[in-house]
């Protein structure tokens, strides 16, 4: 009958539409990854300049020879491999921190987008997306800074707490949930701090716990704390076995808290559903 399309026509149309959506998604993720690389490069600069007490307005330079870097030296990720991991002025090795932070920031930004993208409506909430991207960026800073310098900076955690609280209130999340989550996260470490008189953990861990609670809320803060302690214990035992650390050695726990927070951000809801929480 004329005017009636065959099943083959509809299959081709569906397949064509599917390919179009997949191509668009790949293109979007590509640009988000590039954006993540750029932010990762900024985070590297922020970490180094904060530690050296330098202004973010100064020109970038080689940490070894202090030579001012040109545009071709500052392309995130690609410059490192193009220059074979060394400064093209003094030929000294560049830390692997730089490409790794850039790469994983790009990867985590893509995961944040996929987490917040609604397949049914092909849309996302821009405020939630910004909040999660910001949280990931803060966690990257804390992970690297605590790993390298054994310190969780108040100048990072305190402003981040204020921003996290503001964004979640804008999203309509109850302040009771946020305060409770922050209280659990911060209170858990405050109790340890008081019991040990500051021998087990520092004040930075308390504020880190409160920060995690404000962004993750209740009960996802529990997932973050659980995985942070599990990972910390596993790595601690491995280091002791291989005699890299002793029983009384200091562990950079902020690094593990950052990992636990990332796990909770991406998989916390699913984990809680599995256990009926």
C-alpha atoms as a PDB file:
ATOM      1  CA  UNK A   1       0.000   0.000   0.000  1.00  0.00           C
ATOM      2  CA  UNK A   2       1.363   3.433  -0.930  1.00  0.00           C
ATOM      3  CA  UNK A   3       2.254   5.794   1.922  1.00  0.00           C
ATOM      4  CA  UNK A   4       3.050   2.978   4.404  1.00  0.00           C
ATOM      5  CA  UNK A   5       6.725   2.743   5.264  1.00  0.00           C
ATOM      6  CA  UNK A   6       8.320  -0.697   5.477  1.00  0.00           C
ATOM      7  CA  UNK A   7       9.851  -2.069   8.736  1.00  0.00           C
ATOM      8  CA  UNK A   8      13.253  -1.803   7.085  1.00  0.00           C
ATOM      9  CA  UNK A   9      12.781   1.942   6.704  1.00  0.00           C
ATOM     10  CA  UNK A  10      12.050   2.333  10.418  1.00  0.00           C
ATOM     11  CA  UNK A  11      15.040   0.154  11.378  1.00  0.00           C
ATOM     12  CA  UNK A  12      17.315   2.297   9.243  1.00  0.00           C
ATOM     13  CA  UNK A  13      15.861   5.472  10.743  1.00  0.00           C
ATOM     14  CA  UNK A  14      16.360   4.176  14.296  1.00  0.00           C
ATOM     15  CA  UNK A  15      19.912   3.048  13.511  1.00  0.00           C
ATOM     16  CA  UNK A  16      20.709   6.403  11.904  1.00  0.00           C
ATOM     17  CA  UNK A  17      19.352   8.277  14.921  1.00  0.00           C
ATOM     18  CA  UNK A  18      21.322   6.026  17.284  1.00  0.00           C
ATOM     19  CA  UNK A  19      24.559   6.639  15.374  1.00  0.00           C
ATOM     20  CA  UNK A  20      23.863  10.369  15.412  1.00  0.00           C
ATOM     21  CA  UNK A  21      23.370  10.372  19.204  1.00  0.00           C
ATOM     22  CA  UNK A  22      26.493   8.264  19.787  1.00  0.00           C
ATOM     23  CA  UNK A  23      28.570  10.583  17.597  1.00  0.00           C
ATOM     24  CA  UNK A  24      27.252  13.631  19.463  1.00  0.00           C
ATOM     25  CA  UNK A  25      28.020  12.009  22.827  1.00  0.00           C
ATOM     26  CA  UNK A  26      31.582  11.151  21.757  1.00  0.00           C
ATOM     27  CA  UNK A  27      32.066  14.711  20.513  1.00  0.00           C
ATOM     28  CA  UNK A  28      30.751  16.181  23.775  1.00  0.00           C
ATOM     29  CA  UNK A  29      32.972  13.885  25.860  1.00  0.00           C
ATOM     30  CA  UNK A  30      35.973  14.828  23.726  1.00  0.00           C
ATOM     31  CA  UNK A  31      35.479  18.529  24.450  1.00  0.00           C
ATOM     32  CA  UNK A  32      34.809  17.845  28.136  1.00  0.00           C
ATOM     33  CA  UNK A  33      38.037  15.825  28.304  1.00  0.00           C
ATOM     34  CA  UNK A  34      39.955  18.714  26.703  1.00  0.00           C
ATOM     35  CA  UNK A  35      38.344  21.095  29.197  1.00  0.00           C
ATOM     36  CA  UNK A  36      39.401  18.728  31.990  1.00  0.00           C
ATOM     37  CA  UNK A  37      42.984  18.738  30.696  1.00  0.00           C
ATOM     38  CA  UNK A  38      43.001  22.543  30.829  1.00  0.00           C
ATOM     39  CA  UNK A  39      41.588  22.591  34.362  1.00  0.00           C
ATOM     40  CA  UNK A  40      44.097  19.902  35.372  1.00  0.00           C
ATOM     41  CA  UNK A  41      46.914  22.110  34.095  1.00  0.00           C
ATOM     42  CA  UNK A  42      45.501  24.986  36.150  1.00  0.00           C
ATOM     43  CA  UNK A  43      45.324  22.743  39.242  1.00  0.00           C
ATOM     44  CA  UNK A  44      48.980  21.789  38.807  1.00  0.00           C
ATOM     45  CA  UNK A  45      49.916  25.461  38.675  1.00  0.00           C
ATOM     46  CA  UNK A  46      47.737  26.219  41.704  1.00  0.00           C
ATOM     47  CA  UNK A  47      49.331  23.413  43.744  1.00  0.00           C
ATOM     48  CA  UNK A  48      52.904  24.454  42.927  1.00  0.00           C
ATOM     49  CA  UNK A  49      52.332  28.198  43.315  1.00  0.00           C
ATOM     50  CA  UNK A  50      50.430  27.774  46.574  1.00  0.00           C
ATOM     51  CA  UNK A  51      53.296  25.753  48.040  1.00  0.00           C
ATOM     52  CA  UNK A  52      55.890  28.260  46.795  1.00  0.00           C
ATOM     53  CA  UNK A  53      53.675  31.194  47.870  1.00  0.00           C
ATOM     54  CA  UNK A  54      53.702  32.626  44.364  1.00  0.00           C
ATOM     55  CA  UNK A  55      50.971  34.628  42.639  1.00  0.00           C
ATOM     56  CA  UNK A  56      48.750  32.952  40.059  1.00  0.00           C
ATOM     57  CA  UNK A  57      49.248  36.039  37.880  1.00  0.00           C
ATOM     58  CA  UNK A  58      52.952  35.367  37.296  1.00  0.00           C
ATOM     59  CA  UNK A  59      54.156  33.819  34.043  1.00  0.00           C
ATOM     60  CA  UNK A  60      54.675  30.041  34.147  1.00  0.00           C
ATOM     61  CA  UNK A  61      58.286  28.912  34.427  1.00  0.00           C
ATOM     62  CA  UNK A  62      60.297  25.696  34.686  1.00  0.00           C
ATOM     63  CA  UNK A  63      60.523  24.677  38.388  1.00  0.00           C
ATOM     64  CA  UNK A  64      64.172  23.688  37.827  1.00  0.00           C
ATOM     65  CA  UNK A  65      65.814  26.375  35.651  1.00  0.00           C
ATOM     66  CA  UNK A  66      63.132  29.092  36.148  1.00  0.00           C
ATOM     67  CA  UNK A  67      63.008  29.787  32.386  1.00  0.00           C
ATOM     68  CA  UNK A  68      59.720  31.392  31.319  1.00  0.00           C
ATOM     69  CA  UNK A  69      57.642  28.826  29.417  1.00  0.00           C
ATOM     70  CA  UNK A  70      56.223  29.480  25.968  1.00  0.00           C
ATOM     71  CA  UNK A  71      52.870  28.443  24.528  1.00  0.00           C
ATOM     72  CA  UNK A  72      54.223  25.171  23.120  1.00  0.00           C
ATOM     73  CA  UNK A  73      55.472  24.244  26.625  1.00  0.00           C
ATOM     74  CA  UNK A  74      52.039  24.673  28.185  1.00  0.00           C
ATOM     75  CA  UNK A  75      49.741  22.510  26.060  1.00  0.00           C
ATOM     76  CA  UNK A  76      48.162  20.176  28.643  1.00  0.00           C
ATOM     77  CA  UNK A  77      49.332  16.558  28.424  1.00  0.00           C
ATOM     78  CA  UNK A  78      50.701  16.830  24.893  1.00  0.00           C
ATOM     79  CA  UNK A  79      53.648  19.111  25.744  1.00  0.00           C
ATOM     80  CA  UNK A  80      54.939  16.582  28.281  1.00  0.00           C
ATOM     81  CA  UNK A  81      55.113  13.748  25.754  1.00  0.00           C
ATOM     82  CA  UNK A  82      56.190  15.963  22.841  1.00  0.00           C
ATOM     83  CA  UNK A  83      59.169  17.096  24.924  1.00  0.00           C
ATOM     84  CA  UNK A  84      59.810  13.538  26.178  1.00  0.00           C
ATOM     85  CA  UNK A  85      59.106  14.461  29.784  1.00  0.00           C
ATOM     86  CA  UNK A  86      61.816  17.078  30.103  1.00  0.00           C
ATOM     87  CA  UNK A  87      62.256  20.844  29.992  1.00  0.00           C
ATOM     88  CA  UNK A  88      63.360  21.900  26.534  1.00  0.00           C
ATOM     89  CA  UNK A  89      65.554  24.637  28.028  1.00  0.00           C
ATOM     90  CA  UNK A  90      67.506  22.789  30.761  1.00  0.00           C
ATOM     91  CA  UNK A  91      66.670  19.182  29.728  1.00  0.00           C
ATOM     92  CA  UNK A  92      65.845  18.255  33.316  1.00  0.00           C
ATOM     93  CA  UNK A  93      63.048  15.778  33.960  1.00  0.00           C
ATOM     94  CA  UNK A  94      59.518  17.052  34.483  1.00  0.00           C
ATOM     95  CA  UNK A  95      57.506  15.389  37.250  1.00  0.00           C
ATOM     96  CA  UNK A  96      54.918  12.831  36.136  1.00  0.00           C
ATOM     97  CA  UNK A  97      52.515  14.666  38.437  1.00  0.00           C
ATOM     98  CA  UNK A  98      51.753  17.133  35.646  1.00  0.00           C
ATOM     99  CA  UNK A  99      50.458  14.778  32.927  1.00  0.00           C
ATOM    100  CA  UNK A 100      48.794  12.464  35.459  1.00  0.00           C
ATOM    101  CA  UNK A 101      46.809  15.254  37.123  1.00  0.00           C
ATOM    102  CA  UNK A 102      45.795  16.624  33.721  1.00  0.00           C
ATOM    103  CA  UNK A 103      44.779  13.199  32.395  1.00  0.00           C
ATOM    104  CA  UNK A 104      42.783  12.098  35.439  1.00  0.00           C
ATOM    105  CA  UNK A 105      41.070  15.472  35.733  1.00  0.00           C
ATOM    106  CA  UNK A 106      39.938  15.020  32.122  1.00  0.00           C
ATOM    107  CA  UNK A 107      38.744  11.471  32.835  1.00  0.00           C
ATOM    108  CA  UNK A 108      36.896  12.463  36.009  1.00  0.00           C
ATOM    109  CA  UNK A 109      35.233  15.390  34.239  1.00  0.00           C
ATOM    110  CA  UNK A 110      33.910  12.965  31.610  1.00  0.00           C
ATOM    111  CA  UNK A 111      32.638  10.638  34.353  1.00  0.00           C
ATOM    112  CA  UNK A 112      30.904  13.556  36.076  1.00  0.00           C
ATOM    113  CA  UNK A 113      29.133  14.451  32.831  1.00  0.00           C
ATOM    114  CA  UNK A 114      28.047  10.844  32.220  1.00  0.00           C
ATOM    115  CA  UNK A 115      26.824  10.598  35.818  1.00  0.00           C
ATOM    116  CA  UNK A 116      24.628  13.681  35.463  1.00  0.00           C
ATOM    117  CA  UNK A 117      23.449  13.204  31.880  1.00  0.00           C
ATOM    118  CA  UNK A 118      19.821  12.097  31.593  1.00  0.00           C
ATOM    119  CA  UNK A 119      19.541   9.666  28.686  1.00  0.00           C
ATOM    120  CA  UNK A 120      15.742   9.849  28.566  1.00  0.00           C
ATOM    121  CA  UNK A 121      15.537  13.616  28.196  1.00  0.00           C
ATOM    122  CA  UNK A 122      19.044  14.101  26.734  1.00  0.00           C
ATOM    123  CA  UNK A 123      19.688  16.875  29.270  1.00  0.00           C
ATOM    124  CA  UNK A 124      21.506  17.661  32.503  1.00  0.00           C
ATOM    125  CA  UNK A 125      21.258  20.038  35.452  1.00  0.00           C
ATOM    126  CA  UNK A 126      23.968  22.658  34.957  1.00  0.00           C
ATOM    127  CA  UNK A 127      24.223  23.518  38.677  1.00  0.00           C
ATOM    128  CA  UNK A 128      24.709  19.874  39.693  1.00  0.00           C
ATOM    129  CA  UNK A 129      27.259  19.472  36.916  1.00  0.00           C
ATOM    130  CA  UNK A 130      29.190  22.550  38.061  1.00  0.00           C
ATOM    131  CA  UNK A 131      29.040  21.432  41.703  1.00  0.00           C
ATOM    132  CA  UNK A 132      30.433  17.982  40.926  1.00  0.00           C
ATOM    133  CA  UNK A 133      33.141  19.335  38.599  1.00  0.00           C
ATOM    134  CA  UNK A 134      34.175  21.795  41.293  1.00  0.00           C
ATOM    135  CA  UNK A 135      34.220  19.040  43.948  1.00  0.00           C
ATOM    136  CA  UNK A 136      36.391  16.821  41.745  1.00  0.00           C
ATOM    137  CA  UNK A 137      38.813  19.709  41.217  1.00  0.00           C
ATOM    138  CA  UNK A 138      39.068  20.330  44.965  1.00  0.00           C
ATOM    139  CA  UNK A 139      39.654  16.622  45.607  1.00  0.00           C
ATOM    140  CA  UNK A 140      42.439  16.564  43.013  1.00  0.00           C
ATOM    141  CA  UNK A 141      44.172  19.464  44.780  1.00  0.00           C
ATOM    142  CA  UNK A 142      43.853  17.825  48.202  1.00  0.00           C
ATOM    143  CA  UNK A 143      45.001  14.433  46.877  1.00  0.00           C
ATOM    144  CA  UNK A 144      48.202  15.818  45.345  1.00  0.00           C
ATOM    145  CA  UNK A 145      48.996  18.442  47.992  1.00  0.00           C
ATOM    146  CA  UNK A 146      48.628  16.047  50.913  1.00  0.00           C
ATOM    147  CA  UNK A 147      50.571  13.335  49.073  1.00  0.00           C
ATOM    148  CA  UNK A 148      53.476  15.691  48.299  1.00  0.00           C
ATOM    149  CA  UNK A 149      53.524  18.060  51.254  1.00  0.00           C
ATOM    150  CA  UNK A 150      51.560  16.175  53.956  1.00  0.00           C
ATOM    151  CA  UNK A 151      49.172  19.059  54.489  1.00  0.00           C
ATOM    152  CA  UNK A 152      45.486  19.802  53.879  1.00  0.00           C
ATOM    153  CA  UNK A 153      45.169  23.537  53.351  1.00  0.00           C
ATOM    154  CA  UNK A 154      42.413  25.551  55.015  1.00  0.00           C
ATOM    155  CA  UNK A 155      42.627  28.049  52.138  1.00  0.00           C
ATOM    156  CA  UNK A 156      41.308  25.212  49.937  1.00  0.00           C
ATOM    157  CA  UNK A 157      38.841  23.404  52.222  1.00  0.00           C
ATOM    158  CA  UNK A 158      37.126  26.394  53.862  1.00  0.00           C
ATOM    159  CA  UNK A 159      36.159  28.302  50.672  1.00  0.00           C
ATOM    160  CA  UNK A 160      35.169  24.976  49.075  1.00  0.00           C
ATOM    161  CA  UNK A 161      32.872  24.256  52.035  1.00  0.00           C
ATOM    162  CA  UNK A 162      31.150  27.624  51.604  1.00  0.00           C
ATOM    163  CA  UNK A 163      30.697  27.077  47.854  1.00  0.00           C
ATOM    164  CA  UNK A 164      29.442  23.505  48.350  1.00  0.00           C
ATOM    165  CA  UNK A 165      26.892  24.632  50.945  1.00  0.00           C
ATOM    166  CA  UNK A 166      25.661  27.460  48.706  1.00  0.00           C
ATOM    167  CA  UNK A 167      25.290  25.255  45.606  1.00  0.00           C
ATOM    168  CA  UNK A 168      23.465  22.482  47.465  1.00  0.00           C
ATOM    169  CA  UNK A 169      21.064  24.972  49.056  1.00  0.00           C
ATOM    170  CA  UNK A 170      20.364  26.440  45.597  1.00  0.00           C
ATOM    171  CA  UNK A 171      19.592  22.894  44.422  1.00  0.00           C
ATOM    172  CA  UNK A 172      17.016  22.575  47.191  1.00  0.00           C
ATOM    173  CA  UNK A 173      18.881  19.993  49.264  1.00  0.00           C
ATOM    174  CA  UNK A 174      17.749  20.315  52.878  1.00  0.00           C
ATOM    175  CA  UNK A 175      20.160  22.155  55.142  1.00  0.00           C
ATOM    176  CA  UNK A 176      19.481  19.514  57.799  1.00  0.00           C
ATOM    177  CA  UNK A 177      20.909  16.796  55.523  1.00  0.00           C
ATOM    178  CA  UNK A 178      23.951  18.921  54.693  1.00  0.00           C
ATOM    179  CA  UNK A 179      24.666  19.861  58.303  1.00  0.00           C
ATOM    180  CA  UNK A 180      24.163  16.267  59.440  1.00  0.00           C
ATOM    181  CA  UNK A 181      26.468  14.915  56.727  1.00  0.00           C
ATOM    182  CA  UNK A 182      29.073  17.566  57.492  1.00  0.00           C
ATOM    183  CA  UNK A 183      28.723  16.905  61.213  1.00  0.00           C
ATOM    184  CA  UNK A 184      29.231  13.170  60.722  1.00  0.00           C
ATOM    185  CA  UNK A 185      32.271  13.713  58.503  1.00  0.00           C
ATOM    186  CA  UNK A 186      33.887  16.388  60.643  1.00  0.00           C
ATOM    187  CA  UNK A 187      32.705  14.991  63.982  1.00  0.00           C
ATOM    188  CA  UNK A 188      34.143  11.547  63.210  1.00  0.00           C
ATOM    189  CA  UNK A 189      37.627  13.032  62.903  1.00  0.00           C
ATOM    190  CA  UNK A 190      37.115  15.551  65.697  1.00  0.00           C
ATOM    191  CA  UNK A 191      36.404  12.669  68.089  1.00  0.00           C
ATOM    192  CA  UNK A 192      39.637  10.939  67.032  1.00  0.00           C
ATOM    193  CA  UNK A 193      41.540  14.208  67.374  1.00  0.00           C
ATOM    194  CA  UNK A 194      40.277  14.725  70.930  1.00  0.00           C
ATOM    195  CA  UNK A 195      40.785  11.101  72.003  1.00  0.00           C
ATOM    196  CA  UNK A 196      44.355  10.986  70.665  1.00  0.00           C
ATOM    197  CA  UNK A 197      45.129  14.610  71.605  1.00  0.00           C
ATOM    198  CA  UNK A 198      46.096  15.272  67.997  1.00  0.00           C
ATOM    199  CA  UNK A 199      48.426  12.271  67.620  1.00  0.00           C
ATOM    200  CA  UNK A 200      46.274  10.283  65.158  1.00  0.00           C
ATOM    201  CA  UNK A 201      45.046  13.004  62.857  1.00  0.00           C
ATOM    202  CA  UNK A 202      45.371  16.744  62.320  1.00  0.00           C
ATOM    203  CA  UNK A 203      42.897  19.581  62.115  1.00  0.00           C
ATOM    204  CA  UNK A 204      42.990  19.432  58.327  1.00  0.00           C
ATOM    205  CA  UNK A 205      41.372  15.983  58.407  1.00  0.00           C
ATOM    206  CA  UNK A 206      38.495  17.371  60.479  1.00  0.00           C
ATOM    207  CA  UNK A 207      37.777  20.089  57.953  1.00  0.00           C
ATOM    208  CA  UNK A 208      38.241  17.630  55.086  1.00  0.00           C
ATOM    209  CA  UNK A 209      35.600  15.373  56.660  1.00  0.00           C
ATOM    210  CA  UNK A 210      33.210  18.315  57.008  1.00  0.00           C
ATOM    211  CA  UNK A 211      33.858  19.295  53.374  1.00  0.00           C
ATOM    212  CA  UNK A 212      33.054  15.778  52.165  1.00  0.00           C
ATOM    213  CA  UNK A 213      29.850  15.742  54.205  1.00  0.00           C
ATOM    214  CA  UNK A 214      28.692  19.043  52.710  1.00  0.00           C
ATOM    215  CA  UNK A 215      29.175  17.849  49.138  1.00  0.00           C
ATOM    216  CA  UNK A 216      28.127  14.210  49.523  1.00  0.00           C
ATOM    217  CA  UNK A 217      25.481  14.566  52.224  1.00  0.00           C
ATOM    218  CA  UNK A 218      24.035  11.774  54.327  1.00  0.00           C
ATOM    219  CA  UNK A 219      24.404   8.788  53.990  1.00  0.00           C
ATOM    220  CA  UNK A 220      26.941   8.947  51.122  1.00  0.00           C
ATOM    221  CA  UNK A 221      29.557  10.341  53.507  1.00  0.00           C
ATOM    222  CA  UNK A 222      29.618   6.862  55.083  1.00  0.00           C
ATOM    223  CA  UNK A 223      30.678   5.305  51.768  1.00  0.00           C
ATOM    224  CA  UNK A 224      33.524   7.809  51.448  1.00  0.00           C
ATOM    225  CA  UNK A 225      34.783   7.177  54.989  1.00  0.00           C
ATOM    226  CA  UNK A 226      34.518   3.408  54.594  1.00  0.00           C
ATOM    227  CA  UNK A 227      36.587   3.254  51.413  1.00  0.00           C
ATOM    228  CA  UNK A 228      39.093   5.814  52.700  1.00  0.00           C
ATOM    229  CA  UNK A 229      39.841   3.638  55.737  1.00  0.00           C
ATOM    230  CA  UNK A 230      39.877   0.393  53.773  1.00  0.00           C
ATOM    231  CA  UNK A 231      42.297   1.786  51.184  1.00  0.00           C
ATOM    232  CA  UNK A 232      44.410   3.449  53.867  1.00  0.00           C
ATOM    233  CA  UNK A 233      44.678   0.179  55.788  1.00  0.00           C
ATOM    234  CA  UNK A 234      45.571  -1.853  52.681  1.00  0.00           C
ATOM    235  CA  UNK A 235      48.251   0.595  51.509  1.00  0.00           C
ATOM    236  CA  UNK A 236      49.568   0.959  55.059  1.00  0.00           C
ATOM    237  CA  UNK A 237      49.994  -2.809  55.456  1.00  0.00           C
ATOM    238  CA  UNK A 238      51.711  -3.072  52.053  1.00  0.00           C
ATOM    239  CA  UNK A 239      54.155  -0.276  52.958  1.00  0.00           C
ATOM    240  CA  UNK A 240      54.945  -1.918  56.300  1.00  0.00           C
ATOM    241  CA  UNK A 241      55.490  -5.329  54.674  1.00  0.00           C
ATOM    242  CA  UNK A 242      57.952  -3.836  52.194  1.00  0.00           C
ATOM    243  CA  UNK A 243      59.529  -1.780  55.011  1.00  0.00           C
ATOM    244  CA  UNK A 244      58.711   1.531  53.371  1.00  0.00           C
ATOM    245  CA  UNK A 245      56.916   2.608  56.548  1.00  0.00           C
ATOM    246  CA  UNK A 246      56.997   1.638  60.213  1.00  0.00           C
ATOM    247  CA  UNK A 247      54.117   1.033  62.614  1.00  0.00           C
ATOM    248  CA  UNK A 248      54.408   4.617  63.879  1.00  0.00           C
ATOM    249  CA  UNK A 249      54.947   6.256  60.499  1.00  0.00           C
ATOM    250  CA  UNK A 250      52.658   9.073  59.388  1.00  0.00           C
ATOM    251  CA  UNK A 251      50.126   8.236  56.670  1.00  0.00           C
ATOM    252  CA  UNK A 252      48.866  10.977  54.344  1.00  0.00           C
ATOM    253  CA  UNK A 253      45.212  10.292  55.075  1.00  0.00           C
ATOM    254  CA  UNK A 254      43.857  13.251  53.127  1.00  0.00           C
ATOM    255  CA  UNK A 255      44.905  11.432  49.970  1.00  0.00           C
ATOM    256  CA  UNK A 256      42.775   8.415  50.903  1.00  0.00           C
ATOM    257  CA  UNK A 257      39.863  10.639  51.914  1.00  0.00           C
ATOM    258  CA  UNK A 258      39.967  12.203  48.446  1.00  0.00           C
ATOM    259  CA  UNK A 259      39.846   8.747  46.829  1.00  0.00           C
ATOM    260  CA  UNK A 260      37.002   7.673  49.117  1.00  0.00           C
ATOM    261  CA  UNK A 261      35.069  10.830  48.235  1.00  0.00           C
ATOM    262  CA  UNK A 262      35.508  10.165  44.506  1.00  0.00           C
ATOM    263  CA  UNK A 263      34.252   6.592  44.920  1.00  0.00           C
ATOM    264  CA  UNK A 264      31.227   7.849  46.834  1.00  0.00           C
ATOM    265  CA  UNK A 265      30.545  10.599  44.290  1.00  0.00           C
ATOM    266  CA  UNK A 266      30.459   8.194  41.346  1.00  0.00           C
ATOM    267  CA  UNK A 267      29.189   4.973  42.948  1.00  0.00           C
ATOM    268  CA  UNK A 268      27.874   5.909  46.394  1.00  0.00           C
ATOM    269  CA  UNK A 269      24.174   5.753  45.552  1.00  0.00           C
ATOM    270  CA  UNK A 270      24.521   2.337  43.884  1.00  0.00           C
ATOM    271  CA  UNK A 271      26.529   0.949  46.809  1.00  0.00           C
ATOM    272  CA  UNK A 272      23.946   2.171  49.308  1.00  0.00           C
ATOM    273  CA  UNK A 273      21.128   0.631  47.243  1.00  0.00           C
ATOM    274  CA  UNK A 274      22.895  -2.737  47.253  1.00  0.00           C
ATOM    275  CA  UNK A 275      22.928  -2.698  51.056  1.00  0.00           C
ATOM    276  CA  UNK A 276      19.427  -1.251  51.306  1.00  0.00           C
ATOM    277  CA  UNK A 277      20.508   2.062  52.855  1.00  0.00           C
END
